[in-house]
N, C-alpha and C. Protein backbone atom coordinates (compact mmCIF):
# COMPACT_ATOMS: atom_id res chain seq x y z
N UNK A 1 0.49 -1.18 -0.25
CA UNK A 1 0.32 0.02 0.01
C UNK A 1 0.90 1.04 -0.04
N UNK A 2 1.96 1.34 0.95
CA UNK A 2 2.75 2.49 0.79
C UNK A 2 3.50 2.65 -0.55
N UNK A 3 4.01 1.31 -0.94
CA UNK A 3 4.78 1.48 -2.13
C UNK A 3 3.82 2.34 -3.38
N UNK A 4 2.65 1.82 -3.41
CA UNK A 4 1.54 2.26 -4.05
C UNK A 4 1.36 4.03 -3.88
N UNK A 5 1.36 4.61 -2.72
CA UNK A 5 1.09 6.16 -2.55
C UNK A 5 2.57 6.64 -3.13
N UNK A 6 3.69 5.93 -3.20
CA UNK A 6 4.61 6.32 -3.31
C UNK A 6 4.78 6.76 -4.46
N UNK A 7 4.64 5.56 -5.37
CA UNK A 7 4.80 5.48 -7.20
C UNK A 7 3.44 6.58 -7.25
N UNK A 8 2.67 6.85 -7.05
CA UNK A 8 1.29 7.67 -7.61
C UNK A 8 2.04 8.92 -7.38
N UNK A 9 2.61 9.57 -5.85
CA UNK A 9 3.11 10.58 -5.48
C UNK A 9 3.94 10.98 -6.84
N UNK A 10 5.13 9.85 -6.49
CA UNK A 10 6.36 10.36 -7.87
C UNK A 10 5.90 10.67 -9.01
N UNK A 11 4.71 10.00 -10.02
CA UNK A 11 4.23 10.14 -10.88
C UNK A 11 3.39 11.49 -10.96
N UNK A 12 2.73 12.10 -9.79
CA UNK A 12 2.46 12.96 -9.84
C UNK A 12 3.12 14.57 -10.13
N UNK A 13 4.30 14.20 -9.07
CA UNK A 13 5.41 15.27 -9.21
C UNK A 13 6.15 15.22 -10.37
N UNK A 14 6.00 14.18 -11.20
CA UNK A 14 6.98 13.92 -12.73
C UNK A 14 6.06 15.09 -13.75
N UNK A 15 4.58 14.85 -13.33
CA UNK A 15 3.90 15.10 -14.51
C UNK A 15 3.60 16.83 -14.16
N UNK A 16 3.55 17.03 -13.05
CA UNK A 16 3.75 18.52 -12.60
C UNK A 16 4.53 19.43 -13.22
N UNK A 17 6.29 18.63 -13.12
CA UNK A 17 7.06 19.26 -13.57
C UNK A 17 7.59 19.27 -14.81
N UNK A 18 7.01 18.06 -15.71
CA UNK A 18 6.92 18.19 -16.83
C UNK A 18 5.89 19.43 -17.47
N UNK A 19 4.84 19.42 -16.93
CA UNK A 19 3.77 20.32 -17.18
C UNK A 19 4.43 21.61 -17.06
N UNK A 20 5.23 22.14 -16.07
CA UNK A 20 5.91 23.49 -16.13
C UNK A 20 6.57 23.67 -17.05
N UNK A 21 7.31 22.63 -17.34
CA UNK A 21 8.68 22.72 -17.90
C UNK A 21 8.00 23.29 -19.28
N UNK A 22 6.93 22.16 -20.00
CA UNK A 22 6.40 23.02 -21.12
C UNK A 22 5.92 24.51 -21.48
N UNK A 23 5.41 24.85 -20.13
CA UNK A 23 5.28 26.19 -20.17
C UNK A 23 6.43 27.34 -20.30
N UNK A 24 7.12 26.97 -19.21
CA UNK A 24 8.44 27.65 -19.52
C UNK A 24 9.10 27.74 -20.78
N UNK A 25 9.30 26.99 -21.43
CA UNK A 25 9.72 26.40 -22.87
C UNK A 25 8.76 27.28 -23.67
N UNK A 26 7.65 27.27 -23.89
CA UNK A 26 6.77 28.09 -24.34
C UNK A 26 7.03 29.58 -24.17
N UNK A 27 7.04 29.73 -23.13
CA UNK A 27 7.52 31.28 -22.58
C UNK A 27 8.74 31.71 -23.63
N UNK A 28 9.99 30.90 -23.27
CA UNK A 28 10.88 31.49 -23.86
C UNK A 28 11.14 31.07 -24.97
N UNK A 29 10.37 30.51 -25.53
CA UNK A 29 10.06 30.67 -27.47
C UNK A 29 9.64 31.44 -27.85
N UNK A 30 8.43 31.87 -27.25
CA UNK A 30 7.91 33.45 -27.63
C UNK A 30 8.47 34.56 -27.18
N UNK A 31 9.38 34.61 -26.26
CA UNK A 31 10.37 35.52 -26.10
C UNK A 31 11.64 35.71 -27.41
N UNK A 32 12.03 34.52 -27.39
CA UNK A 32 13.47 34.46 -28.30
C UNK A 32 12.60 34.64 -29.92
N UNK A 33 11.54 34.56 -30.30
CA UNK A 33 10.98 34.66 -31.41
C UNK A 33 10.61 36.38 -31.50
N UNK A 34 10.18 36.94 -30.24
CA UNK A 34 9.95 38.30 -30.45
C UNK A 34 11.01 39.40 -30.76
N UNK A 35 12.16 38.80 -29.71
CA UNK A 35 13.36 39.68 -30.07
C UNK A 35 14.03 38.99 -31.12
N UNK A 36 13.92 38.13 -32.04
CA UNK A 36 14.59 37.85 -33.23
C UNK A 36 13.87 38.90 -34.26
N UNK A 37 12.58 38.98 -34.06
CA UNK A 37 11.68 39.62 -35.10
C UNK A 37 12.12 40.99 -35.01
N UNK A 38 12.03 41.51 -33.85
CA UNK A 38 12.28 43.02 -33.59
C UNK A 38 13.58 43.30 -34.00
N UNK A 39 14.69 42.24 -33.65
CA UNK A 39 15.88 42.64 -33.95
C UNK A 39 16.28 42.92 -35.61
N UNK A 40 15.74 42.11 -36.40
CA UNK A 40 15.52 41.90 -37.59
C UNK A 40 14.81 43.32 -38.52
N UNK A 41 13.42 43.84 -37.77
CA UNK A 41 12.82 44.76 -37.97
C UNK A 41 13.57 46.25 -38.20
N UNK A 42 14.54 45.99 -36.63
CA UNK A 42 15.33 47.60 -36.47
C UNK A 42 16.86 47.15 -37.98
N UNK A 43 17.15 46.13 -37.67
CA UNK A 43 18.13 45.57 -38.80
C UNK A 43 17.92 46.33 -40.30
N UNK A 44 16.77 45.98 -40.68
CA UNK A 44 16.15 46.22 -42.11
C UNK A 44 16.04 47.39 -42.04
N UNK A 45 15.64 48.44 -41.03
CA UNK A 45 15.22 49.85 -40.99
C UNK A 45 16.83 50.42 -41.09
N UNK A 46 17.48 49.98 -40.46
CA UNK A 46 18.78 50.60 -40.51
C UNK A 46 19.68 50.58 -41.96
N UNK A 47 19.21 49.59 -42.33
CA UNK A 47 20.16 49.11 -43.74
C UNK A 47 19.32 49.99 -44.66
N UNK A 48 17.71 50.33 -44.36
CA UNK A 48 17.11 51.32 -45.43
C UNK A 48 17.59 52.59 -45.60
N UNK A 49 17.51 53.09 -44.07
CA UNK A 49 17.83 54.40 -43.94
C UNK A 49 19.85 54.87 -44.59
N UNK A 50 20.60 53.85 -44.33
CA UNK A 50 21.82 53.82 -44.69
C UNK A 50 21.59 54.10 -46.14
N UNK A 51 21.12 53.11 -46.71
CA UNK A 51 20.87 53.44 -48.15
C UNK A 51 20.36 54.29 -48.79
N UNK A 52 19.32 55.09 -48.13
CA UNK A 52 18.79 56.38 -48.60
C UNK A 52 19.83 57.35 -48.21
N UNK A 53 20.37 57.28 -47.68
CA UNK A 53 21.74 58.15 -47.17
C UNK A 53 22.56 58.75 -48.11
N UNK A 54 23.25 57.08 -48.32
CA UNK A 54 24.18 56.73 -49.28
C UNK A 54 24.05 57.29 -50.81
N UNK A 55 22.72 56.86 -51.06
CA UNK A 55 21.80 57.34 -52.60
C UNK A 55 21.87 58.98 -52.57
N UNK A 56 21.77 59.29 -51.47
CA UNK A 56 21.02 60.94 -51.56
C UNK A 56 22.65 61.55 -51.69
N UNK A 57 23.84 60.77 -50.53
CA UNK A 57 25.07 61.74 -50.68
C UNK A 57 25.47 61.56 -52.48
N UNK A 58 25.55 60.13 -53.09
CA UNK A 58 25.97 60.15 -54.40
C UNK A 58 25.30 60.97 -55.16
N UNK A 59 24.08 61.52 -55.05
CA UNK A 59 23.25 61.92 -56.23
C UNK A 59 23.82 63.67 -55.80
N UNK A 60 23.98 64.07 -54.98
CA UNK A 60 24.28 65.38 -54.30
C UNK A 60 25.70 65.36 -54.87
N UNK A 61 26.58 64.62 -55.25
CA UNK A 61 28.07 64.73 -55.40
C UNK A 61 28.21 64.58 -56.93
N UNK A 62 27.52 64.02 -57.36
CA UNK A 62 27.12 63.67 -58.81
C UNK A 62 26.72 65.32 -59.57
N UNK A 63 25.98 65.79 -58.66
CA UNK A 63 25.18 67.22 -58.83
C UNK A 63 26.54 67.98 -59.03
N UNK A 64 26.98 68.36 -58.04
CA UNK A 64 28.40 69.11 -57.90
C UNK A 64 29.11 68.60 -58.56
N UNK A 65 29.39 67.71 -58.83
CA UNK A 65 30.53 67.18 -59.62
C UNK A 65 30.24 67.46 -61.45
N UNK A 66 29.20 67.61 -61.56
CA UNK A 66 28.76 67.82 -62.85
C UNK A 66 29.28 69.08 -63.57
N UNK A 67 29.50 70.13 -62.81
CA UNK A 67 29.96 71.47 -63.60
C UNK A 67 31.63 71.64 -63.13
N UNK A 68 31.80 70.83 -62.60
CA UNK A 68 33.69 70.72 -62.24
C UNK A 68 34.09 70.01 -63.02
N UNK A 69 35.52 70.34 -63.88
CA UNK A 69 36.38 69.94 -64.64
C UNK A 69 36.63 68.48 -63.83
N UNK A 70 37.29 67.32 -64.70
CA UNK A 70 37.87 66.20 -64.08
C UNK A 70 39.21 66.14 -63.70
N UNK A 71 39.83 65.85 -62.87
CA UNK A 71 41.12 65.60 -62.74
C UNK A 71 41.54 64.70 -62.86
N UNK A 72 42.82 64.45 -63.96
CA UNK A 72 43.26 63.46 -64.03
C UNK A 72 44.65 62.92 -62.97
N UNK A 73 44.64 61.68 -62.78
CA UNK A 73 45.68 61.03 -62.13
C UNK A 73 46.77 61.01 -62.69
N UNK A 74 47.62 61.76 -62.03
CA UNK A 74 49.27 61.60 -63.03
C UNK A 74 49.49 59.77 -62.89
N UNK A 75 50.21 59.96 -64.10
CA UNK A 75 50.63 58.21 -63.97
C UNK A 75 51.62 58.07 -62.90
N UNK A 76 52.17 56.61 -62.73
CA UNK A 76 53.06 56.07 -61.33
C UNK A 76 54.28 55.88 -62.26
N UNK A 77 54.32 55.77 -62.99
CA UNK A 77 55.55 55.13 -64.06
C UNK A 77 56.81 56.14 -63.67
N UNK A 78 58.00 55.81 -62.99
CA UNK A 78 58.87 57.06 -62.59
C UNK A 78 59.37 57.39 -63.77
N UNK A 79 59.59 59.13 -63.67
CA UNK A 79 60.20 59.69 -64.82
C UNK A 79 61.58 60.00 -64.65
N UNK A 80 61.71 59.91 -66.13
CA UNK A 80 63.63 59.85 -66.23
C UNK A 80 63.83 61.32 -66.29
N UNK A 81 65.21 61.76 -65.15
CA UNK A 81 65.69 62.98 -65.49
C UNK A 81 66.84 63.34 -66.00
């Protein structure tokens, strides 16, 4: 009789532990996925802003550079004296 009660008690403790673990695991998964999604959105937003700044800078430099004479880089070949 005592052995049956001990087995039943052990079964209840294990069932409660497994049930608690499932809730903890689900909460961890929810937190992890939310963190991943938020981080991805921040990264994509940052990328898009940086791309727009770069394109704006390029366009402004091209506009200013259209009226300026291009400079030819001198040759790197050694000159003879």
